[in-house]
Amino acid sequence: MRPLTSFAMRALTAAILLALPQVSFAMPPMPGMDAPAPRQPVPGTSIYNLNDVWTSQSDTPTPLRSLRGSVVVAAMVYTRCRDVCPLTTEAMQRIERAMPVKKRACVRFVLFSMDWVADMPAQLRAYASAHRLSDRWTLLHGDENAVRGLSAALGISLYREPNGDYQHSLAIFVLDGEGRIAATETDLLQKPAILANKARDLVARRCSRHRWLP
């Protein structure tokens, strides 16, 4: 049996911690917690139907529809998170590295911050630098309405605690060129090739010219 890698060990620990609050299903939901994420998102629903304008790490107003035409690998995180959010980011980087070089140019990697209070563009830039994210990555900040609207569309549960931390579900999504969910992965231990192959297949069918976001 092969020993677990450092990433796998941290992901396994995070998964166990996430599972602990779910042991007692009779517990009432915490105040403000969104409805649990559906196991299968509603097919055909485009997040580009949401009209909220987000702001990128370069302080550029960014409506979601500006991503239209690109295959997008995306997740919701917050930068002060010390466990699953860095692991989610690292898992997306593994997907990026698993993509054939020529196909990467047609894929965007997007992190939507769920922290509408603290994750301003300067903080997003610092996070991108700390994690050595490539120029294919866009990090976005939105207000509370934008965050809650997107989390509902993606089936992400979140709850903002009084100290500013968040309890939340996790998932990595592949969106097609029209902003529809083409694939979802909630297991950070899965091999990156699974979502990378899905993104590659979408790119093969549709790879238009892109106006890259700052």
Protein backbone atom coordinates (compact mmCIF):
# COMPACT_ATOMS: atom_id res chain seq x y z
CA MET A 1 0.00 0.00 0.00
CA ARG A 2 1.42 3.36 -1.01
CA PRO A 3 1.88 5.94 1.77
CA LEU A 4 -0.41 8.97 1.59
CA THR A 5 1.10 12.12 0.14
CA SER A 6 1.13 15.31 2.19
CA PHE A 7 -1.78 16.66 0.13
CA ALA A 8 -3.76 13.44 0.54
CA MET A 9 -3.17 13.38 4.30
CA ARG A 10 -4.32 16.99 4.70
CA ALA A 11 -7.32 16.41 2.44
CA LEU A 12 -8.31 13.30 4.39
CA THR A 13 -8.03 15.19 7.69
CA ALA A 14 -10.13 18.06 6.30
CA ALA A 15 -12.75 15.62 5.02
CA ILE A 16 -13.02 14.00 8.45
CA LEU A 17 -13.39 17.40 10.13
CA LEU A 18 -16.08 18.40 7.65
CA ALA A 19 -17.96 15.20 8.30
CA LEU A 20 -18.01 15.52 12.09
CA PRO A 21 -20.86 18.06 12.35
CA GLN A 22 -22.99 15.82 10.15
CA VAL A 23 -22.96 12.85 12.53
CA SER A 24 -26.26 13.85 14.14
CA PHE A 25 -28.76 14.46 11.36
CA ALA A 26 -31.41 15.48 13.90
CA MET A 27 -29.56 18.67 14.77
CA PRO A 28 -31.39 21.83 13.59
CA PRO A 29 -29.59 24.01 11.02
CA MET A 30 -27.53 26.89 12.35
CA PRO A 31 -29.07 30.36 11.97
CA GLY A 32 -28.27 31.77 8.55
CA MET A 33 -27.12 28.44 7.10
CA ASP A 34 -28.35 27.95 3.57
CA ALA A 35 -30.24 24.81 2.61
CA PRO A 36 -27.96 21.77 2.15
CA ALA A 37 -26.41 21.51 -1.29
CA PRO A 38 -28.25 19.18 -3.68
CA ARG A 39 -26.33 16.07 -4.63
CA GLN A 40 -27.03 16.80 -8.31
CA PRO A 41 -27.32 20.48 -9.36
CA VAL A 42 -30.25 21.32 -11.59
CA PRO A 43 -29.02 20.64 -15.16
CA GLY A 44 -29.05 23.39 -17.74
CA THR A 45 -28.99 26.27 -15.25
CA SER A 46 -26.42 28.96 -16.12
CA ILE A 47 -24.78 31.03 -13.40
CA TYR A 48 -24.47 33.76 -16.04
CA ASN A 49 -28.16 34.47 -15.50
CA LEU A 50 -27.11 36.09 -12.21
CA ASN A 51 -26.77 39.85 -12.71
CA ASP A 52 -24.51 40.68 -9.76
CA VAL A 53 -21.22 42.39 -10.62
CA TRP A 54 -18.13 41.02 -8.89
CA THR A 55 -14.71 42.66 -8.58
CA SER A 56 -11.49 40.95 -9.63
CA GLN A 57 -8.18 40.91 -7.78
CA SER A 58 -7.07 43.79 -10.00
CA ASP A 59 -10.08 45.84 -8.81
CA THR A 60 -11.90 45.45 -12.14
CA PRO A 61 -15.72 45.21 -12.18
CA THR A 62 -16.49 41.72 -13.50
CA PRO A 63 -20.02 40.56 -14.32
CA LEU A 64 -20.31 36.79 -14.42
CA ARG A 65 -21.41 36.86 -18.04
CA SER A 66 -17.95 38.20 -18.99
CA LEU A 67 -16.72 34.62 -18.48
CA ARG A 68 -19.04 33.36 -21.21
CA GLY A 69 -17.24 31.43 -23.95
CA SER A 70 -14.58 30.03 -21.64
CA VAL A 71 -14.48 26.64 -20.01
CA VAL A 72 -14.22 27.49 -16.30
CA VAL A 73 -12.89 25.49 -13.36
CA ALA A 74 -14.28 27.20 -10.27
CA ALA A 75 -14.77 26.99 -6.52
CA MET A 76 -15.98 29.14 -3.63
CA VAL A 77 -13.40 29.78 -0.90
CA TYR A 78 -12.31 32.51 1.50
CA THR A 79 -8.74 33.61 1.98
CA ARG A 80 -8.53 33.44 5.79
CA CYS A 81 -9.58 29.78 5.73
CA ARG A 82 -6.74 27.58 6.98
CA ASP A 83 -7.95 24.10 6.04
CA VAL A 84 -10.21 23.11 3.16
CA CYS A 85 -9.92 26.34 1.13
CA PRO A 86 -6.13 26.07 0.57
CA LEU A 87 -6.65 22.38 -0.20
CA THR A 88 -9.36 23.26 -2.71
CA THR A 89 -7.04 25.77 -4.35
CA GLU A 90 -4.25 23.21 -4.47
CA ALA A 91 -6.60 20.62 -5.97
CA MET A 92 -7.51 23.11 -8.71
CA GLN A 93 -3.82 23.69 -9.38
CA ARG A 94 -3.40 19.95 -9.79
CA ILE A 95 -6.22 20.01 -12.33
CA GLU A 96 -4.46 22.86 -14.13
CA ARG A 97 -1.21 20.91 -14.28
CA ALA A 98 -3.06 17.82 -15.52
CA MET A 99 -4.44 19.72 -18.51
CA PRO A 100 -2.52 19.44 -21.81
CA VAL A 101 -0.57 22.67 -22.27
CA LYS A 102 -2.35 23.63 -25.49
CA LYS A 103 -5.75 23.18 -23.86
CA ARG A 104 -4.99 25.32 -20.81
CA ALA A 105 -5.20 28.50 -22.89
CA CYS A 106 -8.94 27.88 -23.30
CA VAL A 107 -9.64 27.26 -19.60
CA ARG A 108 -10.16 29.84 -16.87
CA PHE A 109 -9.62 29.07 -13.18
CA VAL A 110 -11.88 31.16 -10.97
CA LEU A 111 -12.09 31.46 -7.20
CA PHE A 112 -15.23 33.16 -5.91
CA SER A 113 -14.70 34.49 -2.39
CA MET A 114 -17.52 33.82 0.02
CA ASP A 115 -16.16 36.46 2.42
CA TRP A 116 -17.97 39.60 1.31
CA VAL A 117 -16.50 41.56 4.25
CA ALA A 118 -12.74 40.93 4.23
CA ASP A 119 -11.75 39.58 0.81
CA MET A 120 -11.25 42.86 -1.01
CA PRO A 121 -9.07 42.96 -4.16
CA ALA A 122 -5.82 43.60 -2.25
CA GLN A 123 -6.45 40.52 -0.09
CA LEU A 124 -7.27 38.46 -3.18
CA ARG A 125 -3.99 39.59 -4.81
CA ALA A 126 -2.08 38.54 -1.71
CA TYR A 127 -3.77 35.12 -1.76
CA ALA A 128 -2.99 34.65 -5.45
CA SER A 129 0.65 35.56 -4.83
CA ALA A 130 0.95 33.32 -1.77
CA HIS A 131 -0.37 30.34 -3.73
CA ARG A 132 1.57 31.21 -6.89
CA LEU A 133 -1.50 31.20 -9.06
CA SER A 134 -0.89 31.62 -12.78
CA ASP A 135 -2.33 34.39 -14.94
CA ARG A 136 -5.14 32.03 -15.95
CA TRP A 137 -6.66 32.54 -12.50
CA THR A 138 -9.27 35.15 -11.63
CA LEU A 139 -10.23 35.79 -8.00
CA LEU A 140 -13.52 37.58 -7.44
CA HIS A 141 -15.11 39.51 -4.58
CA GLY A 142 -18.84 40.16 -4.38
CA ASP A 143 -21.25 41.68 -1.90
CA GLU A 144 -23.44 39.52 0.33
CA ASN A 145 -26.25 39.31 -2.21
CA ALA A 146 -23.85 38.19 -4.93
CA VAL A 147 -22.25 35.56 -2.69
CA ARG A 148 -25.53 34.13 -1.48
CA GLY A 149 -27.02 34.13 -4.97
CA LEU A 150 -24.06 32.27 -6.45
CA SER A 151 -23.83 29.81 -3.56
CA ALA A 152 -27.51 28.96 -4.04
CA ALA A 153 -27.01 28.49 -7.79
CA LEU A 154 -24.04 26.19 -7.21
CA GLY A 155 -25.57 24.33 -4.28
CA ILE A 156 -22.94 25.51 -1.78
CA SER A 157 -24.06 25.78 1.85
CA LEU A 158 -22.44 28.53 3.91
CA TYR A 159 -22.80 30.16 7.29
CA ARG A 160 -20.92 33.24 8.49
CA GLU A 161 -19.97 32.96 12.14
CA PRO A 162 -19.85 35.98 14.47
CA ASN A 163 -16.03 35.96 14.38
CA GLY A 164 -16.04 36.27 10.58
CA ASP A 165 -15.13 32.67 9.80
CA TYR A 166 -17.32 30.54 7.56
CA GLN A 167 -18.70 27.06 7.80
CA HIS A 168 -19.34 25.83 4.29
CA SER A 169 -19.61 22.86 2.00
CA LEU A 170 -16.99 22.40 -0.69
CA ALA A 171 -16.96 21.51 -4.36
CA ILE A 172 -14.94 22.14 -7.50
CA PHE A 173 -16.99 22.79 -10.62
CA VAL A 174 -16.34 22.63 -14.35
CA LEU A 175 -18.59 25.08 -16.19
CA ASP A 176 -19.19 24.96 -19.91
CA GLY A 177 -18.98 28.01 -22.17
CA GLU A 178 -22.53 29.03 -21.24
CA GLY A 179 -21.95 28.86 -17.48
CA ARG A 180 -23.74 25.55 -16.93
CA ILE A 181 -22.36 22.99 -14.49
CA ALA A 182 -20.79 20.22 -16.56
CA ALA A 183 -19.05 18.37 -13.71
CA THR A 184 -18.72 18.58 -9.93
CA GLU A 185 -16.19 17.08 -7.54
CA THR A 186 -16.54 17.17 -3.77
CA ASP A 187 -13.77 14.69 -2.96
CA LEU A 188 -10.41 16.45 -2.82
CA LEU A 189 -8.68 13.06 -2.88
CA GLN A 190 -9.93 12.30 -6.37
CA LYS A 191 -7.33 12.26 -9.13
CA PRO A 192 -7.13 15.62 -10.95
CA ALA A 193 -7.43 13.87 -14.33
CA ILE A 194 -11.18 13.35 -13.78
CA LEU A 195 -12.10 17.05 -13.97
CA ALA A 196 -9.14 17.85 -16.22
CA ASN A 197 -10.46 15.38 -18.79
CA LYS A 198 -13.95 16.89 -18.57
CA ALA A 199 -12.55 20.38 -19.12
CA ARG A 200 -10.41 19.09 -22.00
CA ASP A 201 -13.44 17.50 -23.66
CA LEU A 202 -15.39 20.76 -23.40
CA VAL A 203 -12.45 22.68 -24.84
CA ALA A 204 -12.30 20.27 -27.77
CA ARG A 205 -15.92 21.08 -28.60
CA ARG A 206 -15.74 24.81 -27.99
CA CYS A 207 -12.61 26.91 -27.79
CA SER A 208 -13.40 30.47 -28.79
CA ARG A 209 -11.25 33.54 -28.59
CA HIS A 210 -11.27 34.98 -25.12
CA ARG A 211 -11.01 38.42 -23.62
CA TRP A 212 -8.88 37.51 -20.63
CA LEU A 213 -9.84 39.11 -17.35
CA PRO A 214 -7.16 41.05 -15.50
